[in-house]
Amino acid sequence: MRLDRDGRAGRQGYPEAVASGLRVSVTILFWALLGFAIYDMVLQSMKMRYHGPMEAVLDVFNIMMVNGRRILTVEILGVLGIGGALAGVLAEWAGRRWR
């Protein structure tokens, strides 16, 4: 059975790999913020903090913004940046190594 490779790792240069790693890091950050905001909204809705479902849905974005401001620190952004770049470089290296 032959598996076709759809990924880009191993077929792009290292600068593009760094950019891909950073892009993935930002994407994961967005989905994590959205997931935790939805989780927090559900917890608050069980405590009857909202007057209706639309208020609860709109508050998800407010919770995302509040949590997003909390992570705007040098340490967290440094880990996301350096970790994303390093992960992209390692994925590129692994893709070239194991073709």
C-alpha atoms as a PDB file:
ATOM      1  CA  MET A   1       0.000   0.000   0.000  1.00  0.00           C
ATOM      2  CA  ARG A   2       1.468   3.337  -1.048  1.00  0.00           C
ATOM      3  CA  LEU A   3       0.636   6.485   0.872  1.00  0.00           C
ATOM      4  CA  ASP A   4       0.714   9.746  -1.050  1.00  0.00           C
ATOM      5  CA  ARG A   5       2.235  12.666   0.780  1.00  0.00           C
ATOM      6  CA  ASP A   6      -0.003  15.691   0.860  1.00  0.00           C
ATOM      7  CA  GLY A   7       2.116  17.633   3.351  1.00  0.00           C
ATOM      8  CA  ARG A   8       4.647  20.265   2.433  1.00  0.00           C
ATOM      9  CA  ALA A   9       7.346  19.274   4.906  1.00  0.00           C
ATOM     10  CA  GLY A  10      10.538  18.285   3.158  1.00  0.00           C
ATOM     11  CA  ARG A  11       9.620  20.010  -0.094  1.00  0.00           C
ATOM     12  CA  GLN A  12      10.033  23.621   0.933  1.00  0.00           C
ATOM     13  CA  GLY A  13      12.995  25.591   2.193  1.00  0.00           C
ATOM     14  CA  TYR A  14      13.781  26.358   5.790  1.00  0.00           C
ATOM     15  CA  PRO A  15      12.484  29.977   5.678  1.00  0.00           C
ATOM     16  CA  GLU A  16       9.132  28.693   4.427  1.00  0.00           C
ATOM     17  CA  ALA A  17       9.191  26.013   7.102  1.00  0.00           C
ATOM     18  CA  VAL A  18       9.631  28.687   9.777  1.00  0.00           C
ATOM     19  CA  ALA A  19       6.696  30.608   8.309  1.00  0.00           C
ATOM     20  CA  SER A  20       4.574  27.440   8.256  1.00  0.00           C
ATOM     21  CA  GLY A  21       5.459  26.718  11.877  1.00  0.00           C
ATOM     22  CA  LEU A  22       4.482  30.235  12.925  1.00  0.00           C
ATOM     23  CA  ARG A  23       1.238  29.985  10.958  1.00  0.00           C
ATOM     24  CA  VAL A  24       0.372  26.707  12.694  1.00  0.00           C
ATOM     25  CA  SER A  25       1.227  28.232  16.070  1.00  0.00           C
ATOM     26  CA  VAL A  26      -1.148  31.161  15.476  1.00  0.00           C
ATOM     27  CA  THR A  27      -3.868  28.816  14.198  1.00  0.00           C
ATOM     28  CA  ILE A  28      -3.599  26.606  17.271  1.00  0.00           C
ATOM     29  CA  LEU A  29      -3.736  29.717  19.471  1.00  0.00           C
ATOM     30  CA  PHE A  30      -6.954  30.856  17.776  1.00  0.00           C
ATOM     31  CA  TRP A  31      -8.675  27.479  18.116  1.00  0.00           C
ATOM     32  CA  ALA A  32      -7.526  27.124  21.731  1.00  0.00           C
ATOM     33  CA  LEU A  33      -8.918  30.568  22.576  1.00  0.00           C
ATOM     34  CA  LEU A  34     -12.195  29.698  20.854  1.00  0.00           C
ATOM     35  CA  GLY A  35     -12.475  26.325  22.581  1.00  0.00           C
ATOM     36  CA  PHE A  36     -11.793  27.705  26.043  1.00  0.00           C
ATOM     37  CA  ALA A  37     -14.184  30.605  25.423  1.00  0.00           C
ATOM     38  CA  ILE A  38     -16.971  28.214  24.459  1.00  0.00           C
ATOM     39  CA  TYR A  39     -16.208  26.073  27.512  1.00  0.00           C
ATOM     40  CA  ASP A  40     -16.311  29.153  29.773  1.00  0.00           C
ATOM     41  CA  MET A  41     -19.555  30.313  28.161  1.00  0.00           C
ATOM     42  CA  VAL A  42     -21.185  26.924  28.799  1.00  0.00           C
ATOM     43  CA  LEU A  43     -20.114  27.053  32.446  1.00  0.00           C
ATOM     44  CA  GLN A  44     -21.518  30.555  32.819  1.00  0.00           C
ATOM     45  CA  SER A  45     -24.746  29.621  31.044  1.00  0.00           C
ATOM     46  CA  MET A  46     -25.281  26.757  33.494  1.00  0.00           C
ATOM     47  CA  LYS A  47     -25.195  29.370  36.238  1.00  0.00           C
ATOM     48  CA  MET A  48     -27.941  31.282  34.364  1.00  0.00           C
ATOM     49  CA  ARG A  49     -25.736  34.329  33.740  1.00  0.00           C
ATOM     50  CA  TYR A  50     -27.247  35.072  30.312  1.00  0.00           C
ATOM     51  CA  HIS A  51     -30.702  36.332  29.417  1.00  0.00           C
ATOM     52  CA  GLY A  52     -30.843  34.459  26.136  1.00  0.00           C
ATOM     53  CA  PRO A  53     -28.894  32.239  23.774  1.00  0.00           C
ATOM     54  CA  MET A  54     -27.770  35.137  21.545  1.00  0.00           C
ATOM     55  CA  GLU A  55     -26.186  36.915  24.494  1.00  0.00           C
ATOM     56  CA  ALA A  56     -24.294  33.732  25.347  1.00  0.00           C
ATOM     57  CA  VAL A  57     -23.032  33.278  21.777  1.00  0.00           C
ATOM     58  CA  LEU A  58     -21.898  36.898  21.542  1.00  0.00           C
ATOM     59  CA  ASP A  59     -20.119  36.634  24.873  1.00  0.00           C
ATOM     60  CA  VAL A  60     -17.867  33.902  23.422  1.00  0.00           C
ATOM     61  CA  PHE A  61     -16.043  36.574  21.418  1.00  0.00           C
ATOM     62  CA  ASN A  62     -15.770  38.833  24.460  1.00  0.00           C
ATOM     63  CA  ILE A  63     -14.269  35.963  26.472  1.00  0.00           C
ATOM     64  CA  MET A  64     -11.837  35.295  23.614  1.00  0.00           C
ATOM     65  CA  MET A  65     -10.687  38.922  23.685  1.00  0.00           C
ATOM     66  CA  VAL A  66     -10.253  38.907  27.466  1.00  0.00           C
ATOM     67  CA  ASN A  67      -8.240  35.686  27.380  1.00  0.00           C
ATOM     68  CA  GLY A  68      -6.287  36.949  24.369  1.00  0.00           C
ATOM     69  CA  ARG A  69      -5.235  40.059  26.291  1.00  0.00           C
ATOM     70  CA  ARG A  70      -4.092  37.873  29.176  1.00  0.00           C
ATOM     71  CA  ILE A  71      -1.663  35.945  27.003  1.00  0.00           C
ATOM     72  CA  LEU A  72      -0.070  39.059  25.501  1.00  0.00           C
ATOM     73  CA  THR A  73       3.086  38.624  27.527  1.00  0.00           C
ATOM     74  CA  VAL A  74       6.640  38.321  26.306  1.00  0.00           C
ATOM     75  CA  GLU A  75       6.994  34.827  27.753  1.00  0.00           C
ATOM     76  CA  ILE A  76       3.916  33.335  26.105  1.00  0.00           C
ATOM     77  CA  LEU A  77       4.428  35.064  22.754  1.00  0.00           C
ATOM     78  CA  GLY A  78       8.091  34.031  22.833  1.00  0.00           C
ATOM     79  CA  VAL A  79       7.190  30.403  23.398  1.00  0.00           C
ATOM     80  CA  LEU A  80       4.619  30.530  20.584  1.00  0.00           C
ATOM     81  CA  GLY A  81       7.059  32.205  18.213  1.00  0.00           C
ATOM     82  CA  ILE A  82      10.193  30.235  18.982  1.00  0.00           C
ATOM     83  CA  GLY A  83       8.298  26.970  19.419  1.00  0.00           C
ATOM     84  CA  GLY A  84       6.402  27.421  16.152  1.00  0.00           C
ATOM     85  CA  ALA A  85       9.568  28.277  14.227  1.00  0.00           C
ATOM     86  CA  LEU A  86      11.462  25.367  15.754  1.00  0.00           C
ATOM     87  CA  ALA A  87       8.612  22.949  15.041  1.00  0.00           C
ATOM     88  CA  GLY A  88       8.520  24.095  11.414  1.00  0.00           C
ATOM     89  CA  VAL A  89      12.278  23.608  11.020  1.00  0.00           C
ATOM     90  CA  LEU A  90      12.131  20.168  12.653  1.00  0.00           C
ATOM     91  CA  ALA A  91       9.235  19.131  10.417  1.00  0.00           C
ATOM     92  CA  GLU A  92      11.198  20.246   7.353  1.00  0.00           C
ATOM     93  CA  TRP A  93      14.283  18.373   8.517  1.00  0.00           C
ATOM     94  CA  ALA A  94      12.264  15.221   9.217  1.00  0.00           C
ATOM     95  CA  GLY A  95      10.547  15.475   5.844  1.00  0.00           C
ATOM     96  CA  ARG A  96      13.901  15.646   4.075  1.00  0.00           C
ATOM     97  CA  ARG A  97      15.420  12.924   6.224  1.00  0.00           C
ATOM     98  CA  TRP A  98      12.682  10.300   5.810  1.00  0.00           C
ATOM     99  CA  ARG A  99      11.460  10.593   2.228  1.00  0.00           C
END
